[in-house]
N, C-alpha and C. Protein backbone atom coordinates (compact mmCIF):
# COMPACT_ATOMS: atom_id res chain seq x y z
N MET A 1 139.41 84.91 108.39
CA MET A 1 139.02 85.21 109.74
C MET A 1 138.77 86.71 109.86
N ALA A 2 137.68 87.10 110.45
CA ALA A 2 137.32 88.50 110.59
C ALA A 2 138.21 89.18 111.63
N ARG A 3 138.56 90.42 111.33
CA ARG A 3 139.37 91.22 112.26
C ARG A 3 138.46 91.87 113.27
N GLN A 4 138.84 91.83 114.54
CA GLN A 4 138.02 92.45 115.58
C GLN A 4 138.68 93.75 116.03
N HIS A 5 137.86 94.74 116.30
CA HIS A 5 138.33 96.03 116.78
C HIS A 5 137.62 96.35 118.09
N ARG A 6 138.29 97.16 118.89
CA ARG A 6 137.63 97.60 120.12
C ARG A 6 136.47 98.52 119.77
N ALA A 7 135.55 98.64 120.67
CA ALA A 7 134.41 99.52 120.46
C ALA A 7 134.87 100.98 120.52
N ALA A 8 134.31 101.80 119.66
CA ALA A 8 134.64 103.21 119.67
C ALA A 8 134.10 103.85 120.95
N THR A 9 134.87 104.80 121.48
CA THR A 9 134.41 105.52 122.67
C THR A 9 133.49 106.65 122.22
N PRO A 10 132.63 107.15 123.12
CA PRO A 10 131.72 108.23 122.74
C PRO A 10 132.48 109.41 122.16
N GLY A 11 132.03 109.92 121.05
CA GLY A 11 132.63 111.08 120.42
C GLY A 11 133.80 110.74 119.51
N GLU A 12 134.21 109.49 119.44
CA GLU A 12 135.33 109.09 118.61
C GLU A 12 134.82 108.85 117.19
N THR A 13 135.47 109.48 116.22
CA THR A 13 135.04 109.33 114.83
C THR A 13 136.26 109.14 113.94
N GLY A 14 136.05 108.87 112.70
CA GLY A 14 137.13 108.77 111.73
C GLY A 14 137.61 107.35 111.56
N PRO A 15 138.58 107.16 110.66
CA PRO A 15 139.05 105.82 110.33
C PRO A 15 139.72 105.11 111.50
N GLU A 16 140.23 105.83 112.47
CA GLU A 16 140.91 105.19 113.60
C GLU A 16 139.95 104.81 114.73
N ALA A 17 138.68 105.21 114.65
CA ALA A 17 137.72 104.86 115.69
C ALA A 17 137.62 103.34 115.78
N GLY A 18 137.79 102.83 116.96
CA GLY A 18 137.68 101.39 117.16
C GLY A 18 139.01 100.66 117.04
N ARG A 19 140.10 101.37 116.75
CA ARG A 19 141.42 100.75 116.66
C ARG A 19 142.28 101.23 117.82
N PRO A 20 143.16 100.35 118.29
CA PRO A 20 144.05 100.77 119.36
C PRO A 20 144.91 101.94 118.92
N GLY A 21 145.14 102.89 119.83
CA GLY A 21 145.94 104.06 119.52
C GLY A 21 147.43 103.79 119.65
N PRO A 22 148.25 104.77 119.32
CA PRO A 22 149.69 104.59 119.36
C PRO A 22 150.25 104.58 120.78
N GLY A 23 149.46 104.90 121.78
CA GLY A 23 149.93 104.95 123.16
C GLY A 23 150.11 106.37 123.63
N ARG A 24 150.36 106.50 124.91
CA ARG A 24 150.48 107.83 125.50
C ARG A 24 151.42 107.75 126.69
N ASN A 25 152.29 108.69 126.85
CA ASN A 25 153.23 108.75 127.96
C ASN A 25 153.28 110.19 128.44
N GLU A 26 152.39 110.53 129.34
CA GLU A 26 152.30 111.89 129.86
C GLU A 26 152.29 111.84 131.38
N VAL A 27 153.09 112.70 131.99
CA VAL A 27 153.18 112.77 133.44
C VAL A 27 152.96 114.21 133.86
N ALA A 28 152.14 114.43 134.89
CA ALA A 28 151.95 115.75 135.47
C ALA A 28 152.10 115.61 136.98
N LEU A 29 153.02 116.38 137.55
CA LEU A 29 153.31 116.31 138.98
C LEU A 29 153.25 117.69 139.60
N SER A 30 152.79 117.76 140.83
CA SER A 30 152.85 118.98 141.63
C SER A 30 153.37 118.58 143.00
N GLY A 31 154.39 119.24 143.44
CA GLY A 31 154.97 118.93 144.75
C GLY A 31 155.99 119.95 145.14
N ARG A 32 156.95 119.51 145.96
CA ARG A 32 158.00 120.41 146.45
C ARG A 32 159.37 119.88 146.06
N LEU A 33 160.27 120.80 145.77
CA LEU A 33 161.64 120.46 145.45
C LEU A 33 162.33 120.01 146.73
N SER A 34 162.89 118.79 146.73
CA SER A 34 163.47 118.23 147.96
C SER A 34 164.84 118.81 148.29
N ALA A 35 165.63 119.17 147.30
CA ALA A 35 166.98 119.73 147.50
C ALA A 35 167.32 120.52 146.25
N ALA A 36 168.42 121.25 146.30
CA ALA A 36 168.82 122.04 145.14
C ALA A 36 169.05 121.12 143.95
N ALA A 37 168.66 121.61 142.77
CA ALA A 37 168.89 120.87 141.52
C ALA A 37 170.39 120.78 141.27
N GLU A 38 170.79 119.70 140.59
CA GLU A 38 172.21 119.48 140.30
C GLU A 38 172.45 119.44 138.80
N GLU A 39 173.45 120.18 138.36
CA GLU A 39 173.81 120.20 136.95
C GLU A 39 174.95 119.22 136.72
N ARG A 40 174.87 118.47 135.61
CA ARG A 40 175.92 117.49 135.25
C ARG A 40 176.25 117.62 133.78
N VAL A 41 177.52 117.46 133.48
CA VAL A 41 177.96 117.39 132.09
C VAL A 41 178.33 115.94 131.83
N LEU A 42 177.70 115.35 130.84
CA LEU A 42 177.93 113.95 130.49
C LEU A 42 179.20 113.81 129.65
N PRO A 43 179.77 112.59 129.58
CA PRO A 43 180.95 112.37 128.73
C PRO A 43 180.73 112.80 127.28
N SER A 44 179.49 112.77 126.82
CA SER A 44 179.17 113.20 125.45
C SER A 44 179.25 114.71 125.28
N GLY A 45 179.33 115.44 126.40
CA GLY A 45 179.34 116.90 126.35
C GLY A 45 177.97 117.51 126.60
N ASP A 46 176.91 116.70 126.59
CA ASP A 46 175.57 117.19 126.87
C ASP A 46 175.45 117.58 128.33
N THR A 47 174.66 118.61 128.59
CA THR A 47 174.42 119.07 129.95
C THR A 47 172.99 118.72 130.32
N LEU A 48 172.81 118.25 131.55
CA LEU A 48 171.47 118.01 132.07
C LEU A 48 171.41 118.47 133.52
N VAL A 49 170.21 118.66 133.99
CA VAL A 49 169.98 119.03 135.38
C VAL A 49 169.02 118.01 135.98
N THR A 50 169.37 117.51 137.14
CA THR A 50 168.50 116.56 137.83
C THR A 50 167.97 117.18 139.11
N LEU A 51 166.77 116.76 139.49
CA LEU A 51 166.17 117.22 140.73
C LEU A 51 165.22 116.15 141.23
N ARG A 52 164.79 116.32 142.47
CA ARG A 52 163.80 115.41 143.04
C ARG A 52 162.63 116.23 143.54
N ILE A 53 161.45 115.71 143.24
CA ILE A 53 160.22 116.36 143.68
C ILE A 53 159.52 115.42 144.67
N VAL A 54 159.05 115.99 145.76
CA VAL A 54 158.33 115.23 146.78
C VAL A 54 156.85 115.52 146.60
N VAL A 55 156.07 114.46 146.37
CA VAL A 55 154.65 114.59 146.08
C VAL A 55 153.85 113.87 147.15
N PRO A 56 152.94 114.56 147.86
CA PRO A 56 152.10 113.87 148.84
C PRO A 56 151.22 112.84 148.16
N ARG A 57 151.01 111.72 148.83
CA ARG A 57 150.13 110.69 148.27
C ARG A 57 148.68 111.12 148.40
N ALA A 58 147.83 110.50 147.58
CA ALA A 58 146.39 110.79 147.60
C ALA A 58 145.81 110.43 148.96
N GLU A 59 144.67 110.96 149.26
CA GLU A 59 144.02 110.76 150.57
C GLU A 59 143.74 109.30 150.87
N ALA A 60 143.36 108.53 149.88
CA ALA A 60 143.07 107.11 150.10
C ALA A 60 143.70 106.31 148.98
N THR A 61 144.12 105.10 149.29
CA THR A 61 144.70 104.24 148.28
C THR A 61 143.83 103.01 148.12
N THR A 62 143.84 102.44 146.94
CA THR A 62 143.08 101.22 146.70
C THR A 62 144.02 100.04 146.87
N ARG A 63 143.62 99.11 147.70
CA ARG A 63 144.43 97.92 147.94
C ARG A 63 143.93 96.77 147.10
N ALA A 64 144.70 95.70 147.10
CA ALA A 64 144.30 94.49 146.37
C ALA A 64 142.92 94.06 146.88
N GLY A 65 142.07 93.63 146.01
CA GLY A 65 140.73 93.22 146.39
C GLY A 65 139.73 94.37 146.33
N GLY A 66 140.20 95.57 145.92
CA GLY A 66 139.29 96.69 145.76
C GLY A 66 138.96 97.45 147.03
N ARG A 67 139.57 97.07 148.16
CA ARG A 67 139.28 97.80 149.40
C ARG A 67 140.03 99.13 149.40
N THR A 68 139.44 100.14 149.98
CA THR A 68 140.09 101.43 150.07
C THR A 68 140.72 101.56 151.45
N GLY A 69 142.01 101.87 151.46
CA GLY A 69 142.72 102.03 152.72
C GLY A 69 142.92 103.50 153.03
N GLU A 70 143.13 103.81 154.27
CA GLU A 70 143.38 105.18 154.68
C GLU A 70 144.85 105.52 154.51
N ARG A 71 145.12 106.72 154.11
CA ARG A 71 146.50 107.17 153.95
C ARG A 71 147.05 107.53 155.31
N ARG A 72 148.26 107.07 155.58
CA ARG A 72 148.92 107.47 156.81
C ARG A 72 149.44 108.88 156.62
N PRO A 73 149.33 109.72 157.63
CA PRO A 73 149.82 111.10 157.50
C PRO A 73 151.30 111.11 157.12
N GLY A 74 151.67 112.01 156.23
CA GLY A 74 153.06 112.17 155.86
C GLY A 74 153.56 111.26 154.76
N GLN A 75 152.70 110.40 154.20
CA GLN A 75 153.17 109.53 153.11
C GLN A 75 153.39 110.36 151.85
N VAL A 76 154.57 110.18 151.26
CA VAL A 76 154.94 110.92 150.05
C VAL A 76 155.63 109.98 149.07
N ASP A 77 155.71 110.42 147.84
CA ASP A 77 156.53 109.77 146.83
C ASP A 77 157.62 110.76 146.44
N THR A 78 158.84 110.29 146.31
CA THR A 78 159.96 111.11 145.86
C THR A 78 160.31 110.66 144.45
N ILE A 79 160.24 111.59 143.51
CA ILE A 79 160.35 111.26 142.10
C ILE A 79 161.52 112.01 141.46
N ASP A 80 162.38 111.28 140.77
CA ASP A 80 163.51 111.88 140.07
C ASP A 80 163.02 112.53 138.78
N VAL A 81 163.54 113.74 138.52
CA VAL A 81 163.17 114.49 137.31
C VAL A 81 164.48 114.90 136.63
N VAL A 82 164.51 114.78 135.32
CA VAL A 82 165.69 115.19 134.55
C VAL A 82 165.27 116.28 133.56
N CYS A 83 166.09 117.31 133.44
CA CYS A 83 165.82 118.44 132.55
C CYS A 83 166.90 118.49 131.47
N TRP A 84 166.50 118.32 130.22
CA TRP A 84 167.44 118.33 129.10
C TRP A 84 167.45 119.65 128.36
N SER A 85 166.29 120.29 128.22
CA SER A 85 166.23 121.53 127.43
C SER A 85 166.84 122.69 128.23
N ALA A 86 167.38 123.66 127.51
CA ALA A 86 168.00 124.81 128.15
C ALA A 86 167.00 125.53 129.06
N ARG A 87 165.78 125.63 128.61
CA ARG A 87 164.77 126.35 129.39
C ARG A 87 164.46 125.65 130.72
N THR A 88 164.23 124.33 130.69
CA THR A 88 163.93 123.62 131.93
C THR A 88 165.15 123.56 132.84
N ARG A 89 166.36 123.47 132.25
CA ARG A 89 167.59 123.49 133.07
C ARG A 89 167.72 124.81 133.82
N ARG A 90 167.52 125.92 133.13
CA ARG A 90 167.62 127.25 133.76
C ARG A 90 166.61 127.39 134.89
N THR A 91 165.36 126.98 134.61
CA THR A 91 164.31 127.08 135.63
C THR A 91 164.66 126.25 136.85
N ALA A 92 165.10 125.01 136.64
CA ALA A 92 165.43 124.11 137.75
C ALA A 92 166.53 124.69 138.62
N LEU A 93 167.55 125.28 138.00
CA LEU A 93 168.68 125.81 138.76
C LEU A 93 168.32 127.06 139.55
N ARG A 94 167.24 127.75 139.20
CA ARG A 94 166.79 128.94 139.93
C ARG A 94 165.91 128.61 141.12
N LEU A 95 165.37 127.40 141.18
CA LEU A 95 164.44 127.04 142.25
C LEU A 95 165.18 126.75 143.55
N GLU A 96 164.57 127.13 144.65
CA GLU A 96 165.14 126.87 145.97
C GLU A 96 164.53 125.61 146.56
N PRO A 97 165.31 124.87 147.36
CA PRO A 97 164.74 123.69 148.04
C PRO A 97 163.48 124.07 148.82
N GLY A 98 162.47 123.23 148.73
CA GLY A 98 161.20 123.49 149.40
C GLY A 98 160.19 124.24 148.54
N ALA A 99 160.64 124.77 147.39
CA ALA A 99 159.73 125.50 146.50
C ALA A 99 158.68 124.55 145.94
N GLY A 100 157.45 125.05 145.82
CA GLY A 100 156.39 124.30 145.16
C GLY A 100 156.62 124.36 143.66
N ILE A 101 156.55 123.20 143.00
CA ILE A 101 156.79 123.18 141.56
C ILE A 101 155.78 122.28 140.85
N ASP A 102 155.57 122.60 139.58
CA ASP A 102 154.73 121.80 138.69
C ASP A 102 155.63 121.29 137.56
N VAL A 103 155.51 120.01 137.26
CA VAL A 103 156.31 119.38 136.21
C VAL A 103 155.37 118.67 135.25
N GLU A 104 155.60 118.83 133.96
CA GLU A 104 154.91 118.05 132.94
C GLU A 104 155.98 117.42 132.06
N GLY A 105 155.79 116.15 131.73
CA GLY A 105 156.78 115.48 130.91
C GLY A 105 156.39 114.06 130.61
N SER A 106 157.41 113.20 130.46
CA SER A 106 157.21 111.80 130.11
C SER A 106 158.05 110.91 131.03
N LEU A 107 157.54 109.73 131.30
CA LEU A 107 158.27 108.76 132.10
C LEU A 107 159.28 108.06 131.21
N ARG A 108 160.51 107.98 131.69
CA ARG A 108 161.59 107.34 130.93
C ARG A 108 162.27 106.30 131.82
N ARG A 109 162.77 105.24 131.21
CA ARG A 109 163.57 104.25 131.92
C ARG A 109 164.98 104.35 131.36
N ARG A 110 165.91 104.67 132.25
CA ARG A 110 167.30 104.89 131.86
C ARG A 110 168.14 103.71 132.32
N PHE A 111 169.01 103.22 131.46
CA PHE A 111 169.91 102.11 131.77
C PHE A 111 171.32 102.65 131.93
N PHE A 112 172.06 102.11 132.89
CA PHE A 112 173.43 102.56 133.10
C PHE A 112 174.25 101.44 133.73
N ALA A 113 175.57 101.56 133.59
CA ALA A 113 176.48 100.54 134.12
C ALA A 113 176.97 100.97 135.50
N THR A 114 177.07 100.01 136.41
CA THR A 114 177.63 100.23 137.74
C THR A 114 178.68 99.13 137.98
N PRO A 115 179.50 99.27 139.01
CA PRO A 115 180.46 98.21 139.30
C PRO A 115 179.77 96.85 139.53
N GLY A 116 178.54 96.86 140.01
CA GLY A 116 177.80 95.63 140.26
C GLY A 116 177.07 95.09 139.04
N GLY A 117 177.15 95.80 137.92
CA GLY A 117 176.46 95.36 136.71
C GLY A 117 175.52 96.42 136.17
N ARG A 118 174.75 96.05 135.18
CA ARG A 118 173.79 96.97 134.54
C ARG A 118 172.57 97.18 135.43
N GLN A 119 172.12 98.43 135.54
CA GLN A 119 170.93 98.76 136.32
C GLN A 119 170.06 99.71 135.53
N SER A 120 168.85 99.94 136.03
CA SER A 120 167.96 100.89 135.39
C SER A 120 167.24 101.70 136.45
N ARG A 121 166.71 102.82 136.02
CA ARG A 121 165.98 103.71 136.91
C ARG A 121 164.91 104.42 136.10
N TYR A 122 163.76 104.62 136.72
CA TYR A 122 162.71 105.42 136.10
C TYR A 122 162.86 106.86 136.55
N GLU A 123 162.62 107.79 135.62
CA GLU A 123 162.64 109.20 135.94
C GLU A 123 161.69 109.92 135.00
N VAL A 124 161.32 111.12 135.38
CA VAL A 124 160.44 111.93 134.53
C VAL A 124 161.32 112.90 133.75
N GLU A 125 161.19 112.87 132.43
CA GLU A 125 161.89 113.83 131.58
C GLU A 125 160.98 115.05 131.46
N ALA A 126 161.42 116.17 132.03
CA ALA A 126 160.58 117.37 132.09
C ALA A 126 160.48 118.04 130.73
N ARG A 127 159.26 118.28 130.31
CA ARG A 127 158.98 119.07 129.11
C ARG A 127 158.76 120.53 129.54
N THR A 128 158.03 120.70 130.67
CA THR A 128 157.85 122.02 131.26
C THR A 128 158.08 121.89 132.76
N LEU A 129 158.61 122.95 133.33
CA LEU A 129 158.90 123.00 134.76
C LEU A 129 158.65 124.44 135.19
N ARG A 130 157.87 124.60 136.24
CA ARG A 130 157.59 125.97 136.71
C ARG A 130 157.28 125.97 138.20
N ARG A 131 157.52 127.12 138.80
CA ARG A 131 157.16 127.30 140.21
C ARG A 131 155.64 127.28 140.30
N ALA A 132 155.11 126.54 141.27
CA ALA A 132 153.66 126.50 141.45
C ALA A 132 153.20 127.88 141.91
N HIS A 133 152.11 128.36 141.36
CA HIS A 133 151.58 129.68 141.71
C HIS A 133 151.19 129.72 143.17
N GLY A 134 151.53 130.82 143.84
CA GLY A 134 151.12 131.02 145.23
C GLY A 134 151.94 130.22 146.22
N THR A 135 153.14 129.75 145.83
CA THR A 135 153.97 129.02 146.77
C THR A 135 155.34 129.68 146.89
N SER A 136 155.95 129.44 148.00
CA SER A 136 157.33 129.85 148.20
C SER A 136 157.99 128.80 149.06
N ALA A 137 159.27 128.91 149.24
CA ALA A 137 160.01 127.93 150.03
C ALA A 137 159.53 127.89 151.47
N ASN A 138 158.90 128.96 151.95
CA ASN A 138 158.46 129.01 153.33
C ASN A 138 157.02 128.57 153.53
N ASP A 139 156.31 128.25 152.44
CA ASP A 139 154.91 127.77 152.58
C ASP A 139 154.89 126.42 153.29
N THR A 140 153.82 126.15 154.00
CA THR A 140 153.68 124.84 154.63
C THR A 140 152.56 124.07 154.00
């Protein structure tokens, strides 16, 4: 039986052209820090810093059936971010609530035990974290 491959995209060359790639997990966010970042020391001794970023939703959303709906004013997404590296932890702890920030990283699903049983949560693991240029905590 012949093996089928996807069609190569324009500009794609080499032996991997036409074959599925290994995948990609990249997240880029720009928004505002909702509250002060929190530092935690895990039972393993590892230190991490968690924060939440508030990101305004796009101007229009696509609904089921392909219709475009209007965004209601004030709609936002609140996204959990975790900082493992010393550099991102230091940056997170220096930011003030309301500061504009840019985050680049990967989406992770974390599993943990609670009194009610095992649960999971999605969060962004920050690779880079920085104050957005031209913003301050007092910007609107």
